[in-house]
């Protein structure tokens, strides 16, 4: 029996709680608020403008509305901007980049992410 006897004879398995299983089985599983919601907003094309999914458009605050322009011509407007979005754009010189994420071909409504 040497000095390493304790190391050789100690248990190789330790009991512990499976915290993921406990969290999954809690009664408030579906009432928890999400940690991070995606920053997506609805946008509508202006006139007969065609906007493709994956396209990046420059958005500006113009007379209280968020207007997306391709070059000099307006192509979309963000319909229901939140106060948080308007505040962050105001801090960024009233200019932001919007990427078109999805488009509904029937209604023509676009989903954009603003960065």
Protein backbone atom coordinates (compact mmCIF):
# COMPACT_ATOMS: atom_id res chain seq x y z
CA UNK A 1 0.00 0.00 0.00
CA UNK A 2 1.70 3.05 -1.29
CA UNK A 3 0.94 6.74 -1.25
CA UNK A 4 -1.18 6.43 -4.39
CA UNK A 5 -3.58 3.91 -2.78
CA UNK A 6 -6.20 6.58 -2.15
CA UNK A 7 -6.07 7.71 -5.80
CA UNK A 8 -6.50 4.18 -7.07
CA UNK A 9 -9.40 3.31 -4.78
CA UNK A 10 -11.46 6.50 -5.03
CA UNK A 11 -14.74 6.39 -6.91
CA UNK A 12 -14.55 7.18 -10.60
CA UNK A 13 -18.17 8.28 -10.77
CA UNK A 14 -19.65 11.31 -9.05
CA UNK A 15 -23.35 11.85 -8.59
CA UNK A 16 -24.67 15.14 -9.89
CA UNK A 17 -27.94 16.66 -11.03
CA UNK A 18 -28.73 16.87 -14.70
CA UNK A 19 -29.53 20.59 -14.74
CA UNK A 20 -30.73 20.56 -18.34
CA UNK A 21 -33.33 17.92 -17.54
CA UNK A 22 -34.45 19.87 -14.49
CA UNK A 23 -34.79 23.05 -16.56
CA UNK A 24 -36.72 21.20 -19.27
CA UNK A 25 -39.20 19.77 -16.78
CA UNK A 26 -39.97 22.96 -14.89
CA UNK A 27 -43.61 24.08 -15.08
CA UNK A 28 -42.62 27.55 -16.40
CA UNK A 29 -40.84 26.20 -19.48
CA UNK A 30 -43.16 27.96 -21.95
CA UNK A 31 -43.60 31.16 -19.95
CA UNK A 32 -39.95 32.20 -20.03
CA UNK A 33 -39.13 35.31 -22.02
CA UNK A 34 -36.66 34.84 -24.86
CA UNK A 35 -33.15 36.13 -24.24
CA UNK A 36 -32.79 37.76 -27.64
CA UNK A 37 -35.39 38.46 -30.27
CA UNK A 38 -34.34 38.97 -33.88
CA UNK A 39 -34.45 42.54 -35.13
CA UNK A 40 -36.85 42.07 -38.03
CA UNK A 41 -39.36 44.58 -39.24
CA UNK A 42 -42.03 44.59 -41.90
CA UNK A 43 -41.42 46.72 -44.94
CA UNK A 44 -43.48 47.49 -48.02
CA UNK A 45 -42.18 48.26 -51.50
CA UNK A 46 -42.83 51.77 -52.75
CA UNK A 47 -44.68 51.90 -56.04
CA UNK A 48 -43.63 49.22 -58.51
CA UNK A 49 -40.17 48.72 -57.00
CA UNK A 50 -38.86 45.17 -56.99
CA UNK A 51 -36.70 44.15 -54.07
CA UNK A 52 -34.94 40.77 -53.96
CA UNK A 53 -34.25 38.65 -50.90
CA UNK A 54 -30.62 39.07 -49.84
CA UNK A 55 -30.39 42.63 -51.14
CA UNK A 56 -28.95 45.33 -48.87
CA UNK A 57 -30.66 48.72 -48.93
CA UNK A 58 -29.74 52.02 -47.29
CA UNK A 59 -32.46 53.22 -44.89
CA UNK A 60 -32.83 56.84 -43.79
CA UNK A 61 -35.19 58.71 -41.52
CA UNK A 62 -37.01 61.14 -43.78
CA UNK A 63 -39.78 63.30 -42.27
CA UNK A 64 -40.51 60.76 -39.54
CA UNK A 65 -40.67 57.70 -41.83
CA UNK A 66 -38.00 55.10 -42.54
CA UNK A 67 -37.38 55.09 -46.27
CA UNK A 68 -35.09 52.58 -47.98
CA UNK A 69 -33.29 53.78 -51.10
CA UNK A 70 -31.38 52.04 -53.86
CA UNK A 71 -29.14 54.80 -55.10
CA UNK A 72 -31.38 57.86 -55.27
CA UNK A 73 -34.72 56.14 -55.86
CA UNK A 74 -36.88 55.05 -52.90
CA UNK A 75 -37.72 51.35 -52.98
CA UNK A 76 -39.24 50.48 -49.59
CA UNK A 77 -40.60 51.86 -46.36
CA UNK A 78 -40.51 50.22 -42.93
CA UNK A 79 -44.13 50.25 -41.86
CA UNK A 80 -44.07 49.91 -38.07
CA UNK A 81 -40.69 50.97 -36.67
CA UNK A 82 -40.26 50.75 -32.93
CA UNK A 83 -39.10 53.65 -30.81
CA UNK A 84 -35.92 51.71 -30.05
CA UNK A 85 -35.13 51.40 -33.76
CA UNK A 86 -35.73 55.09 -34.39
CA UNK A 87 -33.57 56.04 -31.38
CA UNK A 88 -30.68 53.85 -32.51
CA UNK A 89 -30.90 55.23 -36.04
CA UNK A 90 -30.99 58.80 -34.72
CA UNK A 91 -27.77 58.12 -32.82
CA UNK A 92 -26.24 56.75 -36.03
CA UNK A 93 -26.75 59.91 -38.13
CA UNK A 94 -30.26 58.76 -39.19
CA UNK A 95 -28.77 56.16 -41.57
CA UNK A 96 -28.72 52.36 -41.35
CA UNK A 97 -28.33 49.31 -43.55
CA UNK A 98 -31.31 46.98 -44.07
CA UNK A 99 -30.94 43.47 -45.42
CA UNK A 100 -34.02 41.92 -47.00
CA UNK A 101 -34.48 38.57 -45.27
CA UNK A 102 -37.82 37.34 -46.61
CA UNK A 103 -40.54 38.36 -49.01
CA UNK A 104 -44.16 37.25 -49.28
CA UNK A 105 -45.01 37.01 -52.98
CA UNK A 106 -48.78 37.26 -52.42
CA UNK A 107 -48.97 40.29 -50.15
CA UNK A 108 -45.68 41.87 -51.24
CA UNK A 109 -44.63 42.43 -47.61
CA UNK A 110 -40.90 42.22 -46.96
CA UNK A 111 -39.00 41.35 -43.79
CA UNK A 112 -35.82 43.32 -43.19
CA UNK A 113 -33.11 43.30 -40.55
CA UNK A 114 -31.59 46.67 -39.75
CA UNK A 115 -27.98 46.97 -38.68
